[in-house]
Amino acid sequence: MNPTVTKPRRKETPEDKKRRALKIIEILDRTYPTTILALNFTTPLELLIALILAAQCTDERVNQVTATLFKKNRTPQDWAGLPRSTLEAEIRSTGFFRNKAKAVQECCQELVNRFGGKVPDKLEELISLPGVGRKTANILRGNALGQPAIGVDTHVGRLAQRLELSCETNPDKIEADLNPLVPDEHKVRFCHLLQAHGRTICLARKPDCPGCPINHLCPYPAQAKLAPPRKRKRVR
């Protein structure tokens, strides 16, 4: 009896991948019609502060903390003028509160000194601020400044890899792979959709591949089936 031969998958061209990305966006848009950025904000400054606080912390926790803080502190001068110990105490529950308090105040002081108290809209200027990396800058540009930008957070990076829209592990390189695949008018929405899908179905440890609406557009389920079972540690 002849062994079963698996037919190799046709190599995907850049145009094929772009068409697949658009289909993914179309289906996820129907699946998550009301999804938006999970962080609460009303101004670019508020989103900037929230993003700094969100490092290694849940969005829900950040929203709880900023609900009070945003009422009391409305300008970069307000944030920069707070006693450091007071700010640390108020953001303590977000974790790494000393580093975050330092980053928030240094960032706001830079806004006052260099940008007249306004959040700049250029990527190069944003990433020059303390506590602001490329991911933070792009999320801010896309959601508070109306610019086409892809911010590669944990969910966007993981799903981009599983969907084979990028084979990179570095967030900046993943962003570079995704940018030509996603039209400008869909970039911000694309990130929201991957974040929603990553939180509900395409979980990090146990994705629900059978229940996934983009299963047929994703190479990951086949790879997961081929992966050898993990060896369990023997309990002595």
Protein backbone atom coordinates (compact mmCIF):
# COMPACT_ATOMS: atom_id res chain seq x y z
CA MET A 1 0.00 0.00 0.00
CA ASN A 2 1.45 3.36 -1.03
CA PRO A 3 1.95 5.88 1.73
CA THR A 4 -0.20 8.98 1.56
CA VAL A 5 1.59 11.83 -0.16
CA THR A 6 0.75 15.33 1.00
CA LYS A 7 0.55 17.73 -1.90
CA PRO A 8 2.80 20.73 -1.23
CA ARG A 9 1.06 24.05 -0.89
CA ARG A 10 1.52 26.45 -3.81
CA LYS A 11 3.91 29.23 -2.95
CA GLU A 12 1.93 32.35 -2.15
CA THR A 13 2.80 35.44 -4.14
CA PRO A 14 2.70 38.93 -2.57
CA GLU A 15 -0.52 39.64 -4.48
CA ASP A 16 -2.04 36.37 -3.24
CA LYS A 17 -1.14 37.31 0.32
CA LYS A 18 -2.62 40.78 -0.08
CA ARG A 19 -5.90 39.32 -1.38
CA ARG A 20 -5.97 36.86 1.53
CA ALA A 21 -5.36 39.69 4.01
CA LEU A 22 -8.31 41.61 2.57
CA LYS A 23 -10.55 38.53 2.89
CA ILE A 24 -9.43 38.13 6.50
CA ILE A 25 -10.32 41.76 7.21
CA GLU A 26 -13.72 41.37 5.53
CA ILE A 27 -14.66 38.30 7.57
CA LEU A 28 -13.35 39.59 10.88
CA ASP A 29 -15.11 42.90 10.31
CA ARG A 30 -18.42 41.01 10.12
CA THR A 31 -17.45 38.91 13.14
CA TYR A 32 -16.49 41.86 15.35
CA PRO A 33 -18.54 44.79 14.00
CA THR A 34 -18.36 46.91 17.15
CA THR A 35 -14.79 46.30 18.31
CA ILE A 36 -12.68 49.34 19.10
CA LEU A 37 -9.45 50.08 20.94
CA ALA A 38 -9.84 48.72 24.46
CA LEU A 39 -8.16 51.68 26.18
CA ASN A 40 -10.42 54.58 27.18
CA PHE A 41 -9.34 58.10 26.17
CA THR A 42 -10.71 61.39 24.88
CA THR A 43 -7.51 63.21 23.84
CA PRO A 44 -4.14 62.25 22.31
CA LEU A 45 -2.47 63.02 25.66
CA GLU A 46 -4.80 60.65 27.51
CA LEU A 47 -4.11 57.85 25.06
CA LEU A 48 -0.37 58.49 25.32
CA ILE A 49 -0.50 58.18 29.11
CA ALA A 50 -2.75 55.09 28.92
CA LEU A 51 -0.37 53.37 26.50
CA ILE A 52 2.62 53.97 28.76
CA LEU A 53 0.68 52.53 31.71
CA ALA A 54 -0.53 49.56 29.63
CA ALA A 55 2.93 47.98 29.33
CA GLN A 56 2.65 44.48 30.83
CA CYS A 57 -0.76 45.33 32.26
CA THR A 58 -4.32 44.60 31.17
CA ASP A 59 -6.32 47.30 29.42
CA GLU A 60 -9.10 46.79 31.96
CA ARG A 61 -6.79 47.64 34.85
CA VAL A 62 -5.43 50.71 33.04
CA ASN A 63 -8.98 51.94 32.39
CA GLN A 64 -9.79 51.58 36.09
CA VAL A 65 -6.74 53.62 37.07
CA THR A 66 -7.08 56.34 34.44
CA ALA A 67 -10.80 56.90 35.11
CA THR A 68 -9.81 59.00 38.11
CA LEU A 69 -6.43 60.25 36.91
CA PHE A 70 -7.77 61.77 33.69
CA LYS A 71 -10.27 63.88 35.66
CA LYS A 72 -7.52 65.37 37.82
CA ASN A 73 -4.72 65.74 35.25
CA ARG A 74 -5.62 67.34 31.92
CA THR A 75 -2.38 68.85 30.62
CA PRO A 76 1.25 67.74 30.36
CA GLN A 77 2.02 70.39 32.98
CA ASP A 78 -0.40 68.68 35.39
CA TRP A 79 1.30 65.31 34.96
CA ALA A 80 4.84 66.68 35.10
CA GLY A 81 4.05 68.71 38.25
CA LEU A 82 2.72 65.82 40.33
CA PRO A 83 4.91 64.66 43.22
CA ARG A 84 6.54 61.46 41.97
CA SER A 85 5.47 59.54 45.08
CA THR A 86 1.83 60.57 44.52
CA LEU A 87 1.83 59.38 40.91
CA GLU A 88 3.55 56.13 41.86
CA ALA A 89 0.89 55.42 44.48
CA GLU A 90 -1.96 56.13 42.05
CA ILE A 91 -0.62 53.85 39.29
CA ARG A 92 0.84 51.16 41.55
CA SER A 93 -1.73 48.53 40.52
CA THR A 94 -0.57 48.70 36.86
CA GLY A 95 2.80 47.17 37.81
CA PHE A 96 6.31 48.56 37.30
CA PHE A 97 4.86 51.75 38.74
CA ARG A 98 8.19 53.46 39.45
CA ASN A 99 9.42 53.09 35.88
CA LYS A 100 6.03 54.09 34.50
CA ALA A 101 5.74 57.17 36.72
CA LYS A 102 9.20 58.26 35.63
CA ALA A 103 8.36 57.70 31.95
CA VAL A 104 5.03 59.56 32.19
CA GLN A 105 6.55 62.59 33.88
CA GLU A 106 9.64 62.76 31.69
CA CYS A 107 7.47 62.35 28.59
CA CYS A 108 5.12 65.14 29.68
CA GLN A 109 8.03 67.42 30.54
CA GLU A 110 9.39 66.86 27.03
CA LEU A 111 5.97 67.75 25.59
CA VAL A 112 6.11 71.02 27.51
CA ASN A 113 9.74 71.82 26.67
CA ARG A 114 9.85 70.79 23.02
CA PHE A 115 6.30 70.75 21.66
CA GLY A 116 4.47 73.55 23.46
CA GLY A 117 2.46 71.11 25.54
CA LYS A 118 0.99 69.32 22.52
CA VAL A 119 1.38 65.70 21.45
CA PRO A 120 3.30 65.70 18.14
CA ASP A 121 1.85 63.88 15.14
CA LYS A 122 5.08 62.75 13.45
CA LEU A 123 6.37 59.23 14.13
CA GLU A 124 9.98 60.39 14.49
CA GLU A 125 9.01 62.98 17.08
CA LEU A 126 6.80 60.60 19.03
CA ILE A 127 9.45 57.89 19.36
CA SER A 128 11.90 60.51 20.64
CA LEU A 129 9.75 60.88 23.76
CA PRO A 130 10.65 58.93 26.94
CA GLY A 131 8.59 55.75 27.29
CA VAL A 132 7.35 55.85 23.69
CA GLY A 133 8.36 53.10 21.26
CA ARG A 134 7.22 52.47 17.74
CA LYS A 135 4.21 50.37 18.78
CA THR A 136 2.95 53.06 21.16
CA ALA A 137 3.54 55.79 18.58
CA ASN A 138 1.64 53.93 15.86
CA ILE A 139 -1.32 53.07 18.09
CA LEU A 140 -1.49 56.73 19.09
CA ARG A 141 -1.21 57.96 15.50
CA GLY A 142 -3.90 55.58 14.30
CA ASN A 143 -6.43 55.97 17.09
CA ALA A 144 -6.01 59.55 18.31
CA LEU A 145 -4.53 61.37 15.32
CA GLY A 146 -6.39 59.74 12.42
CA GLN A 147 -3.30 58.51 10.59
CA PRO A 148 -2.94 55.14 8.82
CA ALA A 149 -0.68 53.12 11.09
CA ILE A 150 -0.22 49.56 12.29
CA GLY A 151 0.75 49.14 15.93
CA VAL A 152 2.10 45.65 16.54
CA ASP A 153 1.07 44.60 20.03
CA THR A 154 1.10 41.03 21.37
CA HIS A 155 -2.11 39.99 19.60
CA VAL A 156 -1.30 41.60 16.25
CA GLY A 157 2.18 40.04 16.26
CA ARG A 158 0.97 36.55 17.20
CA LEU A 159 -1.85 36.46 14.66
CA ALA A 160 0.31 37.90 11.88
CA GLN A 161 2.69 34.99 12.41
CA ARG A 162 -0.02 32.33 12.63
CA LEU A 163 -1.70 33.67 9.51
CA GLU A 164 1.72 33.72 7.81
CA LEU A 165 1.31 37.37 6.93
CA SER A 166 4.77 37.71 8.46
CA CYS A 167 7.45 35.23 9.43
CA GLU A 168 9.28 37.78 11.58
CA THR A 169 9.39 37.90 15.37
CA ASN A 170 10.56 41.50 15.77
CA PRO A 171 7.50 43.83 16.01
CA ASP A 172 9.09 46.47 13.77
CA LYS A 173 9.75 43.89 11.07
CA ILE A 174 6.22 42.49 11.41
CA GLU A 175 4.91 46.02 10.90
CA ALA A 176 7.05 46.35 7.79
CA ASP A 177 5.57 43.09 6.41
CA LEU A 178 1.98 44.08 7.18
CA ASN A 179 2.05 47.63 5.84
CA PRO A 180 2.05 46.71 2.11
CA LEU A 181 -0.62 44.04 2.66
CA VAL A 182 -3.20 46.27 4.36
CA PRO A 183 -4.59 49.34 2.56
CA ASP A 184 -4.27 52.61 4.49
CA GLU A 185 -8.02 52.88 5.06
CA HIS A 186 -8.02 49.50 6.84
CA LYS A 187 -4.80 49.70 8.88
CA VAL A 188 -6.23 50.87 12.20
CA ARG A 189 -9.32 48.67 11.90
CA PHE A 190 -7.12 45.69 11.00
CA CYS A 191 -5.32 46.02 14.33
CA HIS A 192 -8.60 46.24 16.26
CA LEU A 193 -9.86 43.11 14.52
CA LEU A 194 -6.74 41.06 15.24
CA GLN A 195 -6.80 42.20 18.86
CA ALA A 196 -10.45 41.14 19.23
CA HIS A 197 -9.82 37.82 17.51
CA GLY A 198 -6.71 37.20 19.61
CA ARG A 199 -8.67 37.75 22.80
CA THR A 200 -11.67 35.59 21.92
CA ILE A 201 -10.74 32.76 19.53
CA CYS A 202 -7.06 32.78 18.51
CA LEU A 203 -5.78 32.55 22.06
CA ALA A 204 -2.06 32.25 22.72
CA ARG A 205 -2.10 28.82 24.37
CA LYS A 206 -5.27 27.18 23.12
CA PRO A 207 -6.70 28.69 19.93
CA ASP A 208 -10.17 27.51 18.90
CA CYS A 209 -9.25 26.62 15.33
CA PRO A 210 -12.46 24.61 14.62
CA GLY A 211 -14.59 27.57 15.67
CA CYS A 212 -12.55 30.17 13.81
CA PRO A 213 -14.31 32.06 10.99
CA ILE A 214 -11.03 32.51 9.09
CA ASN A 215 -9.89 28.91 9.53
CA HIS A 216 -9.91 28.35 5.75
CA LEU A 217 -7.59 31.33 5.23
CA CYS A 218 -5.12 30.35 7.93
CA PRO A 219 -2.20 27.88 7.62
CA TYR A 220 -1.93 27.45 11.40
CA PRO A 221 -4.51 24.66 12.00
CA ALA A 222 -2.65 22.29 9.66
CA GLN A 223 0.63 23.05 11.42
CA ALA A 224 -0.96 22.51 14.81
CA LYS A 225 -2.23 19.05 13.75
CA LEU A 226 1.19 18.07 12.47
CA ALA A 227 2.97 19.20 15.62
CA PRO A 228 4.05 16.25 17.82
CA PRO A 229 2.27 15.95 21.17
CA ARG A 230 4.12 17.42 24.09
CA LYS A 231 5.72 14.96 26.48
CA ARG A 232 4.25 15.14 29.92
CA LYS A 233 6.59 15.30 32.86
CA ARG A 234 6.54 12.23 35.01
CA VAL A 235 5.33 12.87 38.52
CA ARG A 236 7.47 11.13 41.06
